[in-house]
Amino acid sequence: MSATAYLLNLGETPYLEAWDLQRSLAAAISQDAIPDTVVMLEHPPVITLGRRTDGDELHVPPDAEVEVVETDRGGKSTFHGPGQLVCYPILDLNRHGRDVKKYCRDLEEAVIHTLATYELEATRIDGLTGVWLTPPPRKICSIGVHISRWVTTHGYALNVDLDPAPFTDWITACGLEDAAFTTMARELDSPLSVDEVRPAAAAALADVFDLDFEEL
């Protein structure tokens, strides 16, 4: 039987505010005060630096209107902005198998299912996190997580409909030289909103993690 989980759909939320929310939810989940909770939102333009970011990944123009935040998630640098579906599953891995690698693969699987709803055939690339379209390789979703006492924070960022230029012009995103980044709208050759993609993303997470969402 699927476990009940909360789904929190938010609009555009500043990065630090969302990070505080994640920590509060994680504390409540670790004390069994609330069930697993998934937060979906968009961020204003922000570059986040994961724990493995190298100093030479950042080349933000001085006039760029973007916040830069050092964060505790794994991985390197990435960009968030409006038109990207950011998904933060706050899950107790005691309920989902204490396996960090499997958790990351499951997140990728949920994104692959989400894209399949739109007839976009996505895949993984050995040695690289995230979700890609091939050929040629084009990154459509970044993944970076943090796990403390088996409770997860951070998650994935799926490019729905935004200009992917900052991934290459402002940073060496994910530390990948010469990587191409794409969006669902570009691949479908049609405008698409984050709100349109949310139901498919929630259904895919419910399927992969065996959750039954109650929307808050």
C-alpha atoms as a PDB file:
ATOM      1  CA  MET A   1       0.000   0.000   0.000  1.00  0.00           C
ATOM      2  CA  SER A   2       1.294   3.476  -0.903  1.00  0.00           C
ATOM      3  CA  ALA A   3       2.418   5.704   1.955  1.00  0.00           C
ATOM      4  CA  THR A   4       0.687   9.041   2.429  1.00  0.00           C
ATOM      5  CA  ALA A   5       2.913  12.038   1.632  1.00  0.00           C
ATOM      6  CA  TYR A   6       2.328  15.773   1.482  1.00  0.00           C
ATOM      7  CA  LEU A   7       2.672  17.743  -1.759  1.00  0.00           C
ATOM      8  CA  LEU A   8       3.373  21.449  -1.402  1.00  0.00           C
ATOM      9  CA  ASN A   9       3.043  23.432  -4.643  1.00  0.00           C
ATOM     10  CA  LEU A  10       4.559  26.893  -4.266  1.00  0.00           C
ATOM     11  CA  GLY A  11       5.067  29.710  -6.748  1.00  0.00           C
ATOM     12  CA  GLU A  12       8.298  31.638  -7.271  1.00  0.00           C
ATOM     13  CA  THR A  13      10.193  31.419  -3.968  1.00  0.00           C
ATOM     14  CA  PRO A  14      13.581  32.958  -3.064  1.00  0.00           C
ATOM     15  CA  TYR A  15      16.248  30.275  -2.740  1.00  0.00           C
ATOM     16  CA  LEU A  16      17.188  30.913   0.901  1.00  0.00           C
ATOM     17  CA  GLU A  17      13.525  30.953   1.951  1.00  0.00           C
ATOM     18  CA  ALA A  18      13.009  27.559   0.278  1.00  0.00           C
ATOM     19  CA  TRP A  19      16.166  26.202   1.923  1.00  0.00           C
ATOM     20  CA  ASP A  20      14.879  27.251   5.368  1.00  0.00           C
ATOM     21  CA  LEU A  21      11.561  25.556   4.590  1.00  0.00           C
ATOM     22  CA  GLN A  22      13.329  22.338   3.587  1.00  0.00           C
ATOM     23  CA  ARG A  23      15.303  22.273   6.838  1.00  0.00           C
ATOM     24  CA  SER A  24      12.131  22.806   8.895  1.00  0.00           C
ATOM     25  CA  LEU A  25      10.330  20.017   7.040  1.00  0.00           C
ATOM     26  CA  ALA A  26      13.340  17.692   7.366  1.00  0.00           C
ATOM     27  CA  ALA A  27      13.445  18.253  11.139  1.00  0.00           C
ATOM     28  CA  ALA A  28       9.718  17.465  11.433  1.00  0.00           C
ATOM     29  CA  ILE A  29      10.045  14.352   9.247  1.00  0.00           C
ATOM     30  CA  SER A  30      13.049  13.052  11.205  1.00  0.00           C
ATOM     31  CA  GLN A  31      10.893  13.266  14.372  1.00  0.00           C
ATOM     32  CA  ASP A  32       7.966  11.500  12.641  1.00  0.00           C
ATOM     33  CA  ALA A  33       5.839  14.625  13.159  1.00  0.00           C
ATOM     34  CA  ILE A  34       4.800  14.721   9.474  1.00  0.00           C
ATOM     35  CA  PRO A  35       4.994  12.256   6.564  1.00  0.00           C
ATOM     36  CA  ASP A  36       7.361  12.536   3.595  1.00  0.00           C
ATOM     37  CA  THR A  37       6.796  15.878   1.876  1.00  0.00           C
ATOM     38  CA  VAL A  38       7.556  17.006  -1.674  1.00  0.00           C
ATOM     39  CA  VAL A  39       7.922  20.730  -2.423  1.00  0.00           C
ATOM     40  CA  MET A  40       7.618  22.005  -6.004  1.00  0.00           C
ATOM     41  CA  LEU A  41       8.406  25.605  -6.905  1.00  0.00           C
ATOM     42  CA  GLU A  42      10.322  28.016  -9.118  1.00  0.00           C
ATOM     43  CA  HIS A  43      13.208  30.243  -8.035  1.00  0.00           C
ATOM     44  CA  PRO A  44      14.124  33.781  -9.076  1.00  0.00           C
ATOM     45  CA  PRO A  45      17.512  33.765 -10.905  1.00  0.00           C
ATOM     46  CA  VAL A  46      20.088  32.170  -8.600  1.00  0.00           C
ATOM     47  CA  ILE A  47      23.363  30.274  -9.000  1.00  0.00           C
ATOM     48  CA  THR A  48      23.885  27.618  -6.344  1.00  0.00           C
ATOM     49  CA  LEU A  49      27.291  26.190  -5.543  1.00  0.00           C
ATOM     50  CA  GLY A  50      27.363  22.578  -4.385  1.00  0.00           C
ATOM     51  CA  ARG A  51      30.033  21.122  -2.120  1.00  0.00           C
ATOM     52  CA  ARG A  52      32.235  20.069  -5.055  1.00  0.00           C
ATOM     53  CA  THR A  53      32.207  23.411  -6.924  1.00  0.00           C
ATOM     54  CA  ASP A  54      35.626  24.519  -8.229  1.00  0.00           C
ATOM     55  CA  GLY A  55      36.601  28.189  -8.133  1.00  0.00           C
ATOM     56  CA  ASP A  56      36.941  28.429 -11.920  1.00  0.00           C
ATOM     57  CA  GLU A  57      33.327  27.357 -12.551  1.00  0.00           C
ATOM     58  CA  LEU A  58      32.017  30.886 -11.917  1.00  0.00           C
ATOM     59  CA  HIS A  59      32.263  33.564 -14.608  1.00  0.00           C
ATOM     60  CA  VAL A  60      29.187  35.679 -13.907  1.00  0.00           C
ATOM     61  CA  PRO A  61      29.168  39.033 -15.766  1.00  0.00           C
ATOM     62  CA  PRO A  62      29.267  41.980 -13.325  1.00  0.00           C
ATOM     63  CA  ASP A  63      25.906  43.297 -14.571  1.00  0.00           C
ATOM     64  CA  ALA A  64      24.055  39.950 -14.259  1.00  0.00           C
ATOM     65  CA  GLU A  65      21.000  40.129 -12.034  1.00  0.00           C
ATOM     66  CA  VAL A  66      21.492  36.865 -10.204  1.00  0.00           C
ATOM     67  CA  GLU A  67      22.032  35.766  -6.618  1.00  0.00           C
ATOM     68  CA  VAL A  68      24.928  33.412  -5.794  1.00  0.00           C
ATOM     69  CA  VAL A  69      24.447  31.014  -2.857  1.00  0.00           C
ATOM     70  CA  GLU A  70      26.787  28.407  -1.375  1.00  0.00           C
ATOM     71  CA  THR A  71      24.731  25.381  -0.428  1.00  0.00           C
ATOM     72  CA  ASP A  72      25.186  22.033   1.349  1.00  0.00           C
ATOM     73  CA  ARG A  73      23.961  19.829  -1.503  1.00  0.00           C
ATOM     74  CA  GLY A  74      26.266  17.507  -3.394  1.00  0.00           C
ATOM     75  CA  GLY A  75      27.529  18.303  -6.872  1.00  0.00           C
ATOM     76  CA  LYS A  76      28.869  21.454  -8.428  1.00  0.00           C
ATOM     77  CA  SER A  77      27.374  24.732  -9.650  1.00  0.00           C
ATOM     78  CA  THR A  78      24.002  25.114 -11.315  1.00  0.00           C
ATOM     79  CA  PHE A  79      21.544  27.827 -12.308  1.00  0.00           C
ATOM     80  CA  HIS A  80      17.899  28.187 -11.275  1.00  0.00           C
ATOM     81  CA  GLY A  81      15.415  30.617 -12.748  1.00  0.00           C
ATOM     82  CA  PRO A  82      11.753  31.108 -13.604  1.00  0.00           C
ATOM     83  CA  GLY A  83      10.600  28.520 -16.140  1.00  0.00           C
ATOM     84  CA  GLN A  84      12.390  25.695 -14.329  1.00  0.00           C
ATOM     85  CA  LEU A  85      10.494  23.188 -12.175  1.00  0.00           C
ATOM     86  CA  VAL A  86      12.458  22.741  -8.963  1.00  0.00           C
ATOM     87  CA  CYS A  87      11.464  19.711  -6.929  1.00  0.00           C
ATOM     88  CA  TYR A  88      12.579  19.161  -3.337  1.00  0.00           C
ATOM     89  CA  PRO A  89      11.577  15.709  -2.019  1.00  0.00           C
ATOM     90  CA  ILE A  90      12.014  15.666   1.770  1.00  0.00           C
ATOM     91  CA  LEU A  91      11.952  11.906   2.308  1.00  0.00           C
ATOM     92  CA  ASP A  92      12.955   9.601   5.144  1.00  0.00           C
ATOM     93  CA  LEU A  93      15.146   7.015   3.437  1.00  0.00           C
ATOM     94  CA  ASN A  94      14.493   4.633   6.316  1.00  0.00           C
ATOM     95  CA  ARG A  95      11.214   4.138   4.435  1.00  0.00           C
ATOM     96  CA  HIS A  96      12.779   3.949   0.952  1.00  0.00           C
ATOM     97  CA  GLY A  97      15.916   1.854   1.472  1.00  0.00           C
ATOM     98  CA  ARG A  98      19.030   3.398   2.996  1.00  0.00           C
ATOM     99  CA  ASP A  99      20.842   3.697  -0.318  1.00  0.00           C
ATOM    100  CA  VAL A 100      21.972   7.129  -1.471  1.00  0.00           C
ATOM    101  CA  LYS A 101      22.949   6.000  -4.985  1.00  0.00           C
ATOM    102  CA  LYS A 102      19.600   4.275  -5.452  1.00  0.00           C
ATOM    103  CA  TYR A 103      17.822   7.413  -4.245  1.00  0.00           C
ATOM    104  CA  CYS A 104      19.607   9.533  -6.877  1.00  0.00           C
ATOM    105  CA  ARG A 105      18.812   6.943  -9.581  1.00  0.00           C
ATOM    106  CA  ASP A 106      15.166   6.942  -8.451  1.00  0.00           C
ATOM    107  CA  LEU A 107      15.031  10.743  -8.750  1.00  0.00           C
ATOM    108  CA  GLU A 108      16.416  10.449 -12.278  1.00  0.00           C
ATOM    109  CA  GLU A 109      13.845   7.746 -13.014  1.00  0.00           C
ATOM    110  CA  ALA A 110      11.014  10.040 -11.870  1.00  0.00           C
ATOM    111  CA  VAL A 111      12.256  12.761 -14.236  1.00  0.00           C
ATOM    112  CA  ILE A 112      12.559  10.269 -17.106  1.00  0.00           C
ATOM    113  CA  HIS A 113       8.914   9.235 -16.467  1.00  0.00           C
ATOM    114  CA  THR A 114       7.861  12.916 -16.364  1.00  0.00           C
ATOM    115  CA  LEU A 115       9.485  13.603 -19.734  1.00  0.00           C
ATOM    116  CA  ALA A 116       7.990  10.434 -21.232  1.00  0.00           C
ATOM    117  CA  THR A 117       4.544  11.960 -20.564  1.00  0.00           C
ATOM    118  CA  TYR A 118       5.528  14.547 -23.191  1.00  0.00           C
ATOM    119  CA  GLU A 119       6.989  11.883 -25.513  1.00  0.00           C
ATOM    120  CA  LEU A 120      10.532  13.052 -24.777  1.00  0.00           C
ATOM    121  CA  GLU A 121      12.853  10.052 -24.496  1.00  0.00           C
ATOM    122  CA  ALA A 122      15.373  10.891 -21.777  1.00  0.00           C
ATOM    123  CA  THR A 123      18.253   8.852 -20.438  1.00  0.00           C
ATOM    124  CA  ARG A 124      21.172   8.739 -18.024  1.00  0.00           C
ATOM    125  CA  ILE A 125      24.810   9.052 -19.049  1.00  0.00           C
ATOM    126  CA  ASP A 126      27.324   6.830 -17.215  1.00  0.00           C
ATOM    127  CA  GLY A 127      29.417   8.789 -14.743  1.00  0.00           C
ATOM    128  CA  LEU A 128      27.236  11.914 -14.874  1.00  0.00           C
ATOM    129  CA  THR A 129      24.285  12.759 -12.651  1.00  0.00           C
ATOM    130  CA  GLY A 130      21.126  14.293 -14.028  1.00  0.00           C
ATOM    131  CA  VAL A 131      18.917  13.520 -16.990  1.00  0.00           C
ATOM    132  CA  TRP A 132      19.854  13.929 -20.635  1.00  0.00           C
ATOM    133  CA  LEU A 133      18.464  13.759 -24.141  1.00  0.00           C
ATOM    134  CA  THR A 134      20.636  12.142 -26.819  1.00  0.00           C
ATOM    135  CA  PRO A 135      22.047  12.291 -29.436  1.00  0.00           C
ATOM    136  CA  PRO A 136      23.849  14.672 -29.186  1.00  0.00           C
ATOM    137  CA  PRO A 137      23.931  14.828 -25.360  1.00  0.00           C
ATOM    138  CA  ARG A 138      21.812  17.723 -24.027  1.00  0.00           C
ATOM    139  CA  LYS A 139      21.256  18.116 -20.299  1.00  0.00           C
ATOM    140  CA  ILE A 140      17.642  18.842 -19.371  1.00  0.00           C
ATOM    141  CA  CYS A 141      17.656  18.205 -15.603  1.00  0.00           C
ATOM    142  CA  SER A 142      20.216  18.696 -12.822  1.00  0.00           C
ATOM    143  CA  ILE A 143      20.225  16.702  -9.596  1.00  0.00           C
ATOM    144  CA  GLY A 144      21.935  17.494  -6.295  1.00  0.00           C
ATOM    145  CA  VAL A 145      20.948  16.151  -2.890  1.00  0.00           C
ATOM    146  CA  HIS A 146      21.860  16.383   0.766  1.00  0.00           C
ATOM    147  CA  ILE A 147      21.106  13.607   3.253  1.00  0.00           C
ATOM    148  CA  SER A 148      21.279  13.985   7.017  1.00  0.00           C
ATOM    149  CA  ARG A 149      20.144  11.222   9.382  1.00  0.00           C
ATOM    150  CA  TRP A 150      18.658   9.556   6.306  1.00  0.00           C
ATOM    151  CA  VAL A 151      16.344  12.490   5.546  1.00  0.00           C
ATOM    152  CA  THR A 152      16.803  14.050   2.100  1.00  0.00           C
ATOM    153  CA  THR A 153      16.852  17.729   1.108  1.00  0.00           C
ATOM    154  CA  HIS A 154      17.459  19.489  -2.216  1.00  0.00           C
ATOM    155  CA  GLY A 155      16.516  17.472  -5.297  1.00  0.00           C
ATOM    156  CA  TYR A 156      16.156  18.167  -9.009  1.00  0.00           C
ATOM    157  CA  ALA A 157      15.716  21.109 -11.366  1.00  0.00           C
ATOM    158  CA  LEU A 158      13.950  20.355 -14.655  1.00  0.00           C
ATOM    159  CA  ASN A 159      14.319  22.913 -17.461  1.00  0.00           C
ATOM    160  CA  VAL A 160      10.781  23.512 -18.691  1.00  0.00           C
ATOM    161  CA  ASP A 161      10.917  26.819 -20.583  1.00  0.00           C
ATOM    162  CA  LEU A 162      13.770  29.209 -19.883  1.00  0.00           C
ATOM    163  CA  ASP A 163      16.834  30.564 -21.641  1.00  0.00           C
ATOM    164  CA  PRO A 164      19.574  27.994 -20.939  1.00  0.00           C
ATOM    165  CA  ALA A 165      22.368  30.492 -21.744  1.00  0.00           C
ATOM    166  CA  PRO A 166      23.316  31.137 -18.053  1.00  0.00           C
ATOM    167  CA  PHE A 167      24.321  27.466 -17.688  1.00  0.00           C
ATOM    168  CA  THR A 168      27.229  28.131 -20.037  1.00  0.00           C
ATOM    169  CA  ASP A 169      27.643  31.929 -20.110  1.00  0.00           C
ATOM    170  CA  TRP A 170      27.654  32.543 -16.338  1.00  0.00           C
ATOM    171  CA  ILE A 171      29.004  29.256 -14.983  1.00  0.00           C
ATOM    172  CA  THR A 172      30.541  26.006 -16.134  1.00  0.00           C
ATOM    173  CA  ALA A 173      27.377  24.255 -14.988  1.00  0.00           C
ATOM    174  CA  CYS A 174      27.914  20.984 -13.129  1.00  0.00           C
ATOM    175  CA  GLY A 175      31.622  21.423 -13.908  1.00  0.00           C
ATOM    176  CA  LEU A 176      30.985  20.209 -17.471  1.00  0.00           C
ATOM    177  CA  GLU A 177      33.027  21.970 -20.136  1.00  0.00           C
ATOM    178  CA  ASP A 178      31.276  22.191 -23.528  1.00  0.00           C
ATOM    179  CA  ALA A 179      28.040  20.611 -22.276  1.00  0.00           C
ATOM    180  CA  ALA A 180      24.848  21.593 -24.068  1.00  0.00           C
ATOM    181  CA  PHE A 181      21.758  22.415 -22.013  1.00  0.00           C
ATOM    182  CA  THR A 182      18.210  22.262 -23.285  1.00  0.00           C
ATOM    183  CA  THR A 183      14.595  22.727 -22.175  1.00  0.00           C
ATOM    184  CA  MET A 184      11.335  20.864 -22.673  1.00  0.00           C
ATOM    185  CA  ALA A 185       9.904  23.798 -24.649  1.00  0.00           C
ATOM    186  CA  ARG A 186      12.894  23.834 -26.993  1.00  0.00           C
ATOM    187  CA  GLU A 187      12.680  20.093 -27.595  1.00  0.00           C
ATOM    188  CA  LEU A 188       8.912  20.204 -28.138  1.00  0.00           C
ATOM    189  CA  ASP A 189       9.174  23.410 -30.186  1.00  0.00           C
ATOM    190  CA  SER A 190       6.238  24.792 -28.209  1.00  0.00           C
ATOM    191  CA  PRO A 191       5.848  27.047 -25.147  1.00  0.00           C
ATOM    192  CA  LEU A 192       5.232  25.170 -21.907  1.00  0.00           C
ATOM    193  CA  SER A 193       4.612  26.387 -18.356  1.00  0.00           C
ATOM    194  CA  VAL A 194       5.944  24.939 -15.114  1.00  0.00           C
ATOM    195  CA  ASP A 195       2.352  24.672 -13.856  1.00  0.00           C
ATOM    196  CA  GLU A 196       1.490  22.413 -16.796  1.00  0.00           C
ATOM    197  CA  VAL A 197       4.338  20.025 -15.911  1.00  0.00           C
ATOM    198  CA  ARG A 198       3.693  19.815 -12.146  1.00  0.00           C
ATOM    199  CA  PRO A 199       0.963  17.091 -12.320  1.00  0.00           C
ATOM    200  CA  ALA A 200       3.127  14.782 -14.442  1.00  0.00           C
ATOM    201  CA  ALA A 201       6.115  15.362 -12.141  1.00  0.00           C
ATOM    202  CA  ALA A 202       4.039  14.586  -9.036  1.00  0.00           C
ATOM    203  CA  ALA A 203       2.558  11.447 -10.625  1.00  0.00           C
ATOM    204  CA  ALA A 204       6.026  10.189 -11.558  1.00  0.00           C
ATOM    205  CA  LEU A 205       7.372  10.713  -8.017  1.00  0.00           C
ATOM    206  CA  ALA A 206       4.305   8.995  -6.550  1.00  0.00           C
ATOM    207  CA  ASP A 207       4.890   6.039  -8.868  1.00  0.00           C
ATOM    208  CA  VAL A 208       8.645   5.674  -8.335  1.00  0.00           C
ATOM    209  CA  PHE A 209       8.595   6.188  -4.544  1.00  0.00           C
ATOM    210  CA  ASP A 210       5.207   4.523  -3.962  1.00  0.00           C
ATOM    211  CA  LEU A 211       3.591   7.620  -2.422  1.00  0.00           C
ATOM    212  CA  ASP A 212      -0.002   8.764  -2.221  1.00  0.00           C
ATOM    213  CA  PHE A 213       0.011  12.576  -2.279  1.00  0.00           C
ATOM    214  CA  GLU A 214      -2.218  14.781  -0.205  1.00  0.00           C
ATOM    215  CA  GLU A 215      -1.885  18.322  -1.540  1.00  0.00           C
ATOM    216  CA  LEU A 216      -1.482  20.993   1.142  1.00  0.00           C
END
